[in-house]
Amino acid sequence: TEPKNALVKQYQRMFEMESVRLSFPEEALRAIARKAISRKTGARGLRSILESILLDTMFDLPSMRGVEEVVVAADVVEGRAKPLQIYSERRNGQESAG
């Protein structure tokens, strides 16, 4: 069996390669589990759920400047919002200096 949150940790590592922290509040993780249960896919369906949630963000990640953290809340999992992008405080200063 895989360790708890193994898939989440894999995605977090991918984001870390771009120096961005990826976080999932507990309620988001529960929403992902509920979605897998409702699809009757169980643990095997978790990867496709996470991929569908993060695909656009992962595609845009290399060009995102100043993004420090991406937060996936429950409303993102339920399709009512997009992942929240949190920018670093230094963003404006760096852009104006360049």
PDB file of N, CA and C in Angstrom:
ATOM      1  N   THR A   1       0.838  -1.196   0.000  1.00  0.00           N
ATOM      2  CA  THR A   1       0.000   0.000   0.000  1.00  0.00           C
ATOM      3  C   THR A   1       0.877   1.251   0.000  1.00  0.00           C
ATOM      4  N   GLU A   2       0.321   2.324  -0.550  1.00  0.00           N
ATOM      5  CA  GLU A   2       1.056   3.585  -0.587  1.00  0.00           C
ATOM      6  C   GLU A   2       0.856   4.344   0.714  1.00  0.00           C
ATOM      7  N   PRO A   3       1.850   5.131   1.112  1.00  0.00           N
ATOM      8  CA  PRO A   3       1.694   5.920   2.331  1.00  0.00           C
ATOM      9  C   PRO A   3       0.587   6.959   2.181  1.00  0.00           C
ATOM     10  N   LYS A   4       0.078   7.409   3.319  1.00  0.00           N
ATOM     11  CA  LYS A   4      -0.980   8.414   3.329  1.00  0.00           C
ATOM     12  C   LYS A   4      -0.512   9.661   2.577  1.00  0.00           C
ATOM     13  N   ASN A   5      -1.371  10.184   1.722  1.00  0.00           N
ATOM     14  CA  ASN A   5      -1.102  11.402   0.952  1.00  0.00           C
ATOM     15  C   ASN A   5       0.057  11.260  -0.039  1.00  0.00           C
ATOM     16  N   ALA A   6       0.391  10.049  -0.468  1.00  0.00           N
ATOM     17  CA  ALA A   6       1.520   9.852  -1.377  1.00  0.00           C
ATOM     18  C   ALA A   6       1.338  10.633  -2.679  1.00  0.00           C
ATOM     19  N   LEU A   7       0.137  10.623  -3.245  1.00  0.00           N
ATOM     20  CA  LEU A   7      -0.099  11.356  -4.489  1.00  0.00           C
ATOM     21  C   LEU A   7       0.022  12.855  -4.275  1.00  0.00           C
ATOM     22  N   VAL A   8      -0.526  13.332  -3.181  1.00  0.00           N
ATOM     23  CA  VAL A   8      -0.427  14.759  -2.867  1.00  0.00           C
ATOM     24  C   VAL A   8       1.041  15.153  -2.763  1.00  0.00           C
ATOM     25  N   LYS A   9       1.825  14.329  -2.108  1.00  0.00           N
ATOM     26  CA  LYS A   9       3.256  14.627  -1.955  1.00  0.00           C
ATOM     27  C   LYS A   9       3.968  14.640  -3.304  1.00  0.00           C
ATOM     28  N   GLN A  10       3.568  13.769  -4.220  1.00  0.00           N
ATOM     29  CA  GLN A  10       4.168  13.768  -5.558  1.00  0.00           C
ATOM     30  C   GLN A  10       3.905  15.096  -6.264  1.00  0.00           C
ATOM     31  N   TYR A  11       2.662  15.563  -6.196  1.00  0.00           N
ATOM     32  CA  TYR A  11       2.328  16.839  -6.826  1.00  0.00           C
ATOM     33  C   TYR A  11       3.034  17.993  -6.126  1.00  0.00           C
ATOM     34  N   GLN A  12       3.155  17.920  -4.806  1.00  0.00           N
ATOM     35  CA  GLN A  12       3.873  18.966  -4.078  1.00  0.00           C
ATOM     36  C   GLN A  12       5.328  19.029  -4.525  1.00  0.00           C
ATOM     37  N   ARG A  13       5.950  17.891  -4.766  1.00  0.00           N
ATOM     38  CA  ARG A  13       7.342  17.863  -5.237  1.00  0.00           C
ATOM     39  C   ARG A  13       7.457  18.501  -6.623  1.00  0.00           C
ATOM     40  N   MET A  14       6.483  18.216  -7.497  1.00  0.00           N
ATOM     41  CA  MET A  14       6.508  18.823  -8.831  1.00  0.00           C
ATOM     42  C   MET A  14       6.451  20.343  -8.735  1.00  0.00           C
ATOM     43  N   PHE A  15       5.586  20.840  -7.861  1.00  0.00           N
ATOM     44  CA  PHE A  15       5.469  22.284  -7.690  1.00  0.00           C
ATOM     45  C   PHE A  15       6.738  22.855  -7.063  1.00  0.00           C
ATOM     46  N   GLU A  16       7.340  22.116  -6.139  1.00  0.00           N
ATOM     47  CA  GLU A  16       8.574  22.575  -5.497  1.00  0.00           C
ATOM     48  C   GLU A  16       9.695  22.757  -6.513  1.00  0.00           C
ATOM     49  N   MET A  17       9.678  21.970  -7.584  1.00  0.00           N
ATOM     50  CA  MET A  17      10.697  22.131  -8.626  1.00  0.00           C
ATOM     51  C   MET A  17      10.622  23.512  -9.267  1.00  0.00           C
ATOM     52  N   GLU A  18       9.452  24.143  -9.176  1.00  0.00           N
ATOM     53  CA  GLU A  18       9.272  25.505  -9.690  1.00  0.00           C
ATOM     54  C   GLU A  18       9.285  26.523  -8.544  1.00  0.00           C
ATOM     55  N   SER A  19       9.726  26.081  -7.366  1.00  0.00           N
ATOM     56  CA  SER A  19       9.802  26.932  -6.168  1.00  0.00           C
ATOM     57  C   SER A  19       8.438  27.458  -5.729  1.00  0.00           C
ATOM     58  N   VAL A  20       7.418  26.631  -5.898  1.00  0.00           N
ATOM     59  CA  VAL A  20       6.061  26.982  -5.486  1.00  0.00           C
ATOM     60  C   VAL A  20       5.566  25.919  -4.516  1.00  0.00           C
ATOM     61  N   ARG A  21       4.984  26.362  -3.415  1.00  0.00           N
ATOM     62  CA  ARG A  21       4.419  25.446  -2.426  1.00  0.00           C
ATOM     63  C   ARG A  21       2.982  25.127  -2.847  1.00  0.00           C
ATOM     64  N   LEU A  22       2.613  23.869  -2.791  1.00  0.00           N
ATOM     65  CA  LEU A  22       1.259  23.413  -3.108  1.00  0.00           C
ATOM     66  C   LEU A  22       0.632  22.916  -1.824  1.00  0.00           C
ATOM     67  N   SER A  23      -0.540  23.461  -1.484  1.00  0.00           N
ATOM     68  CA  SER A  23      -1.165  23.022  -0.235  1.00  0.00           C
ATOM     69  C   SER A  23      -2.634  22.667  -0.443  1.00  0.00           C
ATOM     70  N   PHE A  24      -3.057  21.698   0.341  1.00  0.00           N
ATOM     71  CA  PHE A  24      -4.425  21.199   0.334  1.00  0.00           C
ATOM     72  C   PHE A  24      -4.949  21.240   1.763  1.00  0.00           C
ATOM     73  N   PRO A  25      -5.870  22.149   2.080  1.00  0.00           N
ATOM     74  CA  PRO A  25      -6.482  22.091   3.412  1.00  0.00           C
ATOM     75  C   PRO A  25      -7.190  20.743   3.604  1.00  0.00           C
ATOM     76  N   GLU A  26      -7.363  20.353   4.837  1.00  0.00           N
ATOM     77  CA  GLU A  26      -7.981  19.056   5.163  1.00  0.00           C
ATOM     78  C   GLU A  26      -9.314  18.863   4.443  1.00  0.00           C
ATOM     79  N   GLU A  27     -10.133  19.914   4.382  1.00  0.00           N
ATOM     80  CA  GLU A  27     -11.444  19.789   3.742  1.00  0.00           C
ATOM     81  C   GLU A  27     -11.312  19.497   2.247  1.00  0.00           C
ATOM     82  N   ALA A  28     -10.273  19.992   1.617  1.00  0.00           N
ATOM     83  CA  ALA A  28     -10.049  19.693   0.200  1.00  0.00           C
ATOM     84  C   ALA A  28      -9.703  18.221   0.012  1.00  0.00           C
ATOM     85  N   LEU A  29      -8.868  17.693   0.901  1.00  0.00           N
ATOM     86  CA  LEU A  29      -8.518  16.268   0.824  1.00  0.00           C
ATOM     87  C   LEU A  29      -9.752  15.399   1.021  1.00  0.00           C
ATOM     88  N   ARG A  30     -10.621  15.817   1.929  1.00  0.00           N
ATOM     89  CA  ARG A  30     -11.877  15.074   2.137  1.00  0.00           C
ATOM     90  C   ARG A  30     -12.766  15.145   0.892  1.00  0.00           C
ATOM     91  N   ALA A  31     -12.805  16.306   0.248  1.00  0.00           N
ATOM     92  CA  ALA A  31     -13.611  16.461  -0.966  1.00  0.00           C
ATOM     93  C   ALA A  31     -13.078  15.573  -2.092  1.00  0.00           C
ATOM     94  N   ILE A  32     -11.758  15.463  -2.189  1.00  0.00           N
ATOM     95  CA  ILE A  32     -11.150  14.577  -3.193  1.00  0.00           C
ATOM     96  C   ILE A  32     -11.551  13.132  -2.910  1.00  0.00           C
ATOM     97  N   ALA A  33     -11.497  12.734  -1.655  1.00  0.00           N
ATOM     98  CA  ALA A  33     -11.884  11.366  -1.278  1.00  0.00           C
ATOM     99  C   ALA A  33     -13.358  11.119  -1.583  1.00  0.00           C
ATOM    100  N   ARG A  34     -14.210  12.099  -1.272  1.00  0.00           N
ATOM    101  CA  ARG A  34     -15.647  11.953  -1.565  1.00  0.00           C
ATOM    102  C   ARG A  34     -15.883  11.791  -3.064  1.00  0.00           C
ATOM    103  N   LYS A  35     -15.140  12.553  -3.852  1.00  0.00           N
ATOM    104  CA  LYS A  35     -15.290  12.476  -5.306  1.00  0.00           C
ATOM    105  C   LYS A  35     -14.887  11.088  -5.808  1.00  0.00           C
ATOM    106  N   ALA A  36     -13.798  10.553  -5.295  1.00  0.00           N
ATOM    107  CA  ALA A  36     -13.352   9.211  -5.692  1.00  0.00           C
ATOM    108  C   ALA A  36     -14.388   8.166  -5.300  1.00  0.00           C
ATOM    109  N   ILE A  37     -14.970   8.325  -4.127  1.00  0.00           N
ATOM    110  CA  ILE A  37     -15.998   7.379  -3.672  1.00  0.00           C
ATOM    111  C   ILE A  37     -17.239   7.485  -4.552  1.00  0.00           C
ATOM    112  N   SER A  38     -17.655   8.715  -4.874  1.00  0.00           N
ATOM    113  CA  SER A  38     -18.864   8.883  -5.688  1.00  0.00           C
ATOM    114  C   SER A  38     -18.671   8.354  -7.109  1.00  0.00           C
ATOM    115  N   ARG A  39     -17.446   8.410  -7.607  1.00  0.00           N
ATOM    116  CA  ARG A  39     -17.144   7.859  -8.936  1.00  0.00           C
ATOM    117  C   ARG A  39     -16.942   6.345  -8.890  1.00  0.00           C
ATOM    118  N   LYS A  40     -16.907   5.808  -7.687  1.00  0.00           N
ATOM    119  CA  LYS A  40     -16.666   4.383  -7.460  1.00  0.00           C
ATOM    120  C   LYS A  40     -15.300   3.955  -8.013  1.00  0.00           C
ATOM    121  N   THR A  41     -14.338   4.861  -7.939  1.00  0.00           N
ATOM    122  CA  THR A  41     -12.997   4.549  -8.425  1.00  0.00           C
ATOM    123  C   THR A  41     -12.039   4.277  -7.281  1.00  0.00           C
ATOM    124  N   GLY A  42     -12.421   4.646  -6.077  1.00  0.00           N
ATOM    125  CA  GLY A  42     -11.558   4.422  -4.921  1.00  0.00           C
ATOM    126  C   GLY A  42     -10.218   5.099  -5.086  1.00  0.00           C
ATOM    127  N   ALA A  43      -9.187   4.495  -4.503  1.00  0.00           N
ATOM    128  CA  ALA A  43      -7.849   5.088  -4.511  1.00  0.00           C
ATOM    129  C   ALA A  43      -7.285   5.213  -5.923  1.00  0.00           C
ATOM    130  N   ARG A  44      -7.665   4.299  -6.818  1.00  0.00           N
ATOM    131  CA  ARG A  44      -7.133   4.356  -8.188  1.00  0.00           C
ATOM    132  C   ARG A  44      -7.558   5.621  -8.918  1.00  0.00           C
ATOM    133  N   GLY A  45      -8.704   6.165  -8.555  1.00  0.00           N
ATOM    134  CA  GLY A  45      -9.200   7.368  -9.227  1.00  0.00           C
ATOM    135  C   GLY A  45      -8.626   8.662  -8.696  1.00  0.00           C
ATOM    136  N   LEU A  46      -7.876   8.585  -7.611  1.00  0.00           N
ATOM    137  CA  LEU A  46      -7.341   9.803  -7.003  1.00  0.00           C
ATOM    138  C   LEU A  46      -6.410  10.554  -7.949  1.00  0.00           C
ATOM    139  N   ARG A  47      -5.574   9.835  -8.663  1.00  0.00           N
ATOM    140  CA  ARG A  47      -4.625  10.492  -9.580  1.00  0.00           C
ATOM    141  C   ARG A  47      -5.363  11.293 -10.649  1.00  0.00           C
ATOM    142  N   SER A  48      -6.399  10.714 -11.243  1.00  0.00           N
ATOM    143  CA  SER A  48      -7.120  11.440 -12.294  1.00  0.00           C
ATOM    144  C   SER A  48      -7.855  12.652 -11.722  1.00  0.00           C
ATOM    145  N   ILE A  49      -8.343  12.539 -10.497  1.00  0.00           N
ATOM    146  CA  ILE A  49      -9.006  13.679  -9.860  1.00  0.00           C
ATOM    147  C   ILE A  49      -7.998  14.801  -9.624  1.00  0.00           C
ATOM    148  N   LEU A  50      -6.856  14.462  -9.046  1.00  0.00           N
ATOM    149  CA  LEU A  50      -5.824  15.474  -8.796  1.00  0.00           C
ATOM    150  C   LEU A  50      -5.334  16.089 -10.105  1.00  0.00           C
ATOM    151  N   GLU A  51      -5.155  15.267 -11.112  1.00  0.00           N
ATOM    152  CA  GLU A  51      -4.675  15.780 -12.392  1.00  0.00           C
ATOM    153  C   GLU A  51      -5.674  16.746 -13.009  1.00  0.00           C
ATOM    154  N   SER A  52      -6.957  16.415 -12.943  1.00  0.00           N
ATOM    155  CA  SER A  52      -7.955  17.311 -13.526  1.00  0.00           C
ATOM    156  C   SER A  52      -8.017  18.638 -12.772  1.00  0.00           C
ATOM    157  N   ILE A  53      -7.776  18.604 -11.469  1.00  0.00           N
ATOM    158  CA  ILE A  53      -7.783  19.826 -10.661  1.00  0.00           C
ATOM    159  C   ILE A  53      -6.568  20.697 -10.986  1.00  0.00           C
ATOM    160  N   LEU A  54      -5.412  20.074 -11.186  1.00  0.00           N
ATOM    161  CA  LEU A  54      -4.147  20.812 -11.268  1.00  0.00           C
ATOM    162  C   LEU A  54      -3.588  20.985 -12.674  1.00  0.00           C
ATOM    163  N   LEU A  55      -4.214  20.385 -13.669  1.00  0.00           N
ATOM    164  CA  LEU A  55      -3.643  20.382 -15.017  1.00  0.00           C
ATOM    165  C   LEU A  55      -3.328  21.783 -15.540  1.00  0.00           C
ATOM    166  N   ASP A  56      -4.300  22.690 -15.507  1.00  0.00           N
ATOM    167  CA  ASP A  56      -4.071  24.043 -16.018  1.00  0.00           C
ATOM    168  C   ASP A  56      -2.982  24.760 -15.232  1.00  0.00           C
ATOM    169  N   THR A  57      -3.014  24.611 -13.922  1.00  0.00           N
ATOM    170  CA  THR A  57      -2.022  25.270 -13.073  1.00  0.00           C
ATOM    171  C   THR A  57      -0.627  24.727 -13.358  1.00  0.00           C
ATOM    172  N   MET A  58      -0.510  23.412 -13.521  1.00  0.00           N
ATOM    173  CA  MET A  58       0.801  22.817 -13.810  1.00  0.00           C
ATOM    174  C   MET A  58       1.327  23.295 -15.164  1.00  0.00           C
ATOM    175  N   PHE A  59       0.432  23.466 -16.123  1.00  0.00           N
ATOM    176  CA  PHE A  59       0.831  23.944 -17.446  1.00  0.00           C
ATOM    177  C   PHE A  59       1.360  25.374 -17.363  1.00  0.00           C
ATOM    178  N   ASP A  60       0.690  26.214 -16.564  1.00  0.00           N
ATOM    179  CA  ASP A  60       1.062  27.627 -16.434  1.00  0.00           C
ATOM    180  C   ASP A  60       2.207  27.862 -15.458  1.00  0.00           C
ATOM    181  N   LEU A  61       2.496  26.889 -14.634  1.00  0.00           N
ATOM    182  CA  LEU A  61       3.460  27.051 -13.544  1.00  0.00           C
ATOM    183  C   LEU A  61       4.818  27.619 -13.971  1.00  0.00           C
ATOM    184  N   PRO A  62       5.448  27.118 -15.032  1.00  0.00           N
ATOM    185  CA  PRO A  62       6.765  27.657 -15.388  1.00  0.00           C
ATOM    186  C   PRO A  62       6.756  29.152 -15.720  1.00  0.00           C
ATOM    187  N   SER A  63       5.628  29.675 -16.185  1.00  0.00           N
ATOM    188  CA  SER A  63       5.573  31.093 -16.548  1.00  0.00           C
ATOM    189  C   SER A  63       4.985  31.970 -15.441  1.00  0.00           C
ATOM    190  N   MET A  64       4.572  31.379 -14.342  1.00  0.00           N
ATOM    191  CA  MET A  64       4.019  32.160 -13.228  1.00  0.00           C
ATOM    192  C   MET A  64       5.158  32.851 -12.491  1.00  0.00           C
ATOM    193  N   ARG A  65       5.153  34.147 -12.488  1.00  0.00           N
ATOM    194  CA  ARG A  65       6.209  34.895 -11.801  1.00  0.00           C
ATOM    195  C   ARG A  65       5.693  35.399 -10.465  1.00  0.00           C
ATOM    196  N   GLY A  66       6.469  35.149  -9.429  1.00  0.00           N
ATOM    197  CA  GLY A  66       6.120  35.663  -8.116  1.00  0.00           C
ATOM    198  C   GLY A  66       5.142  34.812  -7.332  1.00  0.00           C
ATOM    199  N   VAL A  67       4.690  33.695  -7.903  1.00  0.00           N
ATOM    200  CA  VAL A  67       3.766  32.833  -7.167  1.00  0.00           C
ATOM    201  C   VAL A  67       4.566  32.053  -6.136  1.00  0.00           C
ATOM    202  N   GLU A  68       4.141  32.170  -4.898  1.00  0.00           N
ATOM    203  CA  GLU A  68       4.828  31.516  -3.791  1.00  0.00           C
ATOM    204  C   GLU A  68       4.116  30.222  -3.387  1.00  0.00           C
ATOM    205  N   GLU A  69       2.772  30.245  -3.498  1.00  0.00           N
ATOM    206  CA  GLU A  69       1.988  29.094  -3.053  1.00  0.00           C
ATOM    207  C   GLU A  69       0.729  28.975  -3.889  1.00  0.00           C
ATOM    208  N   VAL A  70       0.303  27.739  -4.124  1.00  0.00           N
ATOM    209  CA  VAL A  70      -0.975  27.443  -4.759  1.00  0.00           C
ATOM    210  C   VAL A  70      -1.778  26.633  -3.752  1.00  0.00           C
ATOM    211  N   VAL A  71      -2.991  27.116  -3.452  1.00  0.00           N
ATOM    212  CA  VAL A  71      -3.850  26.458  -2.469  1.00  0.00           C
ATOM    213  C   VAL A  71      -5.053  25.867  -3.195  1.00  0.00           C
ATOM    214  N   VAL A  72      -5.273  24.578  -2.980  1.00  0.00           N
ATOM    215  CA  VAL A  72      -6.418  23.884  -3.560  1.00  0.00           C
ATOM    216  C   VAL A  72      -7.433  23.679  -2.442  1.00  0.00           C
ATOM    217  N   ALA A  73      -8.496  24.466  -2.461  1.00  0.00           N
ATOM    218  CA  ALA A  73      -9.541  24.376  -1.442  1.00  0.00           C
ATOM    219  C   ALA A  73     -10.638  23.419  -1.913  1.00  0.00           C
ATOM    220  N   ALA A  74     -11.568  23.120  -1.026  1.00  0.00           N
ATOM    221  CA  ALA A  74     -12.650  22.186  -1.346  1.00  0.00           C
ATOM    222  C   ALA A  74     -13.483  22.673  -2.526  1.00  0.00           C
ATOM    223  N   ASP A  75     -13.726  23.994  -2.626  1.00  0.00           N
ATOM    224  CA  ASP A  75     -14.530  24.495  -3.743  1.00  0.00           C
ATOM    225  C   ASP A  75     -13.827  24.311  -5.089  1.00  0.00           C
ATOM    226  N   VAL A  76     -12.510  24.196  -5.079  1.00  0.00           N
ATOM    227  CA  VAL A  76     -11.757  23.890  -6.303  1.00  0.00           C
ATOM    228  C   VAL A  76     -12.040  22.442  -6.711  1.00  0.00           C
ATOM    229  N   VAL A  77     -11.989  21.552  -5.743  1.00  0.00           N
ATOM    230  CA  VAL A  77     -12.244  20.127  -5.994  1.00  0.00           C
ATOM    231  C   VAL A  77     -13.655  19.935  -6.540  1.00  0.00           C
ATOM    232  N   GLU A  78     -14.593  20.733  -6.020  1.00  0.00           N
ATOM    233  CA  GLU A  78     -15.996  20.614  -6.425  1.00  0.00           C
ATOM    234  C   GLU A  78     -16.306  21.384  -7.702  1.00  0.00           C
ATOM    235  N   GLY A  79     -15.292  22.001  -8.311  1.00  0.00           N
ATOM    236  CA  GLY A  79     -15.468  22.669  -9.591  1.00  0.00           C
ATOM    237  C   GLY A  79     -16.049  24.063  -9.519  1.00  0.00           C
ATOM    238  N   ARG A  80     -16.079  24.669  -8.335  1.00  0.00           N
ATOM    239  CA  ARG A  80     -16.677  25.995  -8.179  1.00  0.00           C
ATOM    240  C   ARG A  80     -15.648  27.123  -8.179  1.00  0.00           C
ATOM    241  N   ALA A  81     -14.370  26.784  -8.205  1.00  0.00           N
ATOM    242  CA  ALA A  81     -13.316  27.805  -8.165  1.00  0.00           C
ATOM    243  C   ALA A  81     -12.046  27.241  -8.781  1.00  0.00           C
ATOM    244  N   LYS A  82     -11.091  28.130  -8.990  1.00  0.00           N
ATOM    245  CA  LYS A  82      -9.767  27.721  -9.471  1.00  0.00           C
ATOM    246  C   LYS A  82      -8.809  27.752  -8.292  1.00  0.00           C
ATOM    247  N   PRO A  83      -7.689  27.044  -8.388  1.00  0.00           N
ATOM    248  CA  PRO A  83      -6.712  27.089  -7.295  1.00  0.00           C
ATOM    249  C   PRO A  83      -6.272  28.529  -7.010  1.00  0.00           C
ATOM    250  N   LEU A  84      -6.140  28.844  -5.746  1.00  0.00           N
ATOM    251  CA  LEU A  84      -5.725  30.172  -5.307  1.00  0.00           C
ATOM    252  C   LEU A  84      -4.215  30.310  -5.462  1.00  0.00           C
ATOM    253  N   GLN A  85      -3.794  31.383  -6.101  1.00  0.00           N
ATOM    254  CA  GLN A  85      -2.364  31.651  -6.266  1.00  0.00           C
ATOM    255  C   GLN A  85      -1.970  32.762  -5.303  1.00  0.00           C
ATOM    256  N   ILE A  86      -1.018  32.474  -4.444  1.00  0.00           N
ATOM    257  CA  ILE A  86      -0.541  33.457  -3.475  1.00  0.00           C
ATOM    258  C   ILE A  86       0.824  33.945  -3.945  1.00  0.00           C
ATOM    259  N   TYR A  87       0.932  35.256  -4.092  1.00  0.00           N
ATOM    260  CA  TYR A  87       2.165  35.862  -4.596  1.00  0.00           C
ATOM    261  C   TYR A  87       3.060  36.313  -3.455  1.00  0.00           C
ATOM    262  N   SER A  88       4.357  36.330  -3.728  1.00  0.00           N
ATOM    263  CA  SER A  88       5.315  36.785  -2.725  1.00  0.00           C
ATOM    264  C   SER A  88       5.210  38.294  -2.574  1.00  0.00           C
ATOM    265  N   GLU A  89       5.620  38.790  -1.418  1.00  0.00           N
ATOM    266  CA  GLU A  89       5.598  40.223  -1.128  1.00  0.00           C
ATOM    267  C   GLU A  89       6.517  40.985  -2.075  1.00  0.00           C
ATOM    268  N   ARG A  90       7.584  40.336  -2.525  1.00  0.00           N
ATOM    269  CA  ARG A  90       8.610  40.990  -3.336  1.00  0.00           C
ATOM    270  C   ARG A  90       8.199  41.169  -4.788  1.00  0.00           C
ATOM    271  N   ARG A  91       7.074  40.637  -5.196  1.00  0.00           N
ATOM    272  CA  ARG A  91       6.679  40.608  -6.598  1.00  0.00           C
ATOM    273  C   ARG A  91       6.753  41.989  -7.261  1.00  0.00           C
ATOM    274  N   ASN A  92       6.122  42.996  -6.676  1.00  0.00           N
ATOM    275  CA  ASN A  92       6.095  44.318  -7.303  1.00  0.00           C
ATOM    276  C   ASN A  92       7.477  44.942  -7.377  1.00  0.00           C
ATOM    277  N   GLY A  93       8.255  44.822  -6.331  1.00  0.00           N
ATOM    278  CA  GLY A  93       9.594  45.390  -6.312  1.00  0.00           C
ATOM    279  C   GLY A  93      10.498  44.771  -7.355  1.00  0.00           C
ATOM    280  N   GLN A  94      10.391  43.468  -7.537  1.00  0.00           N
ATOM    281  CA  GLN A  94      11.238  42.782  -8.510  1.00  0.00           C
ATOM    282  C   GLN A  94      10.863  43.184  -9.927  1.00  0.00           C
ATOM    283  N   GLU A  95       9.567  43.294 -10.204  1.00  0.00           N
ATOM    284  CA  GLU A  95       9.151  43.621 -11.559  1.00  0.00           C
ATOM    285  C   GLU A  95       9.539  45.057 -11.928  1.00  0.00           C
ATOM    286  N   SER A  96       9.406  45.986 -10.994  1.00  0.00           N
ATOM    287  CA  SER A  96       9.726  47.372 -11.312  1.00  0.00           C
ATOM    288  C   SER A  96      11.234  47.592 -11.417  1.00  0.00           C
ATOM    289  N   ALA A  97      12.018  46.747 -10.750  1.00  0.00           N
ATOM    290  CA  ALA A  97      13.474  46.895 -10.799  1.00  0.00           C
ATOM    291  C   ALA A  97      14.045  46.361 -12.108  1.00  0.00           C
ATOM    292  N   GLY A  98      13.281  45.489 -12.797  1.00  0.00           N
ATOM    293  CA  GLY A  98      13.808  44.840 -13.990  1.00  0.00           C
ATOM    294  C   GLY A  98      13.622  45.668 -15.174  1.00  0.00           C
TER     295      GLY A  98
END
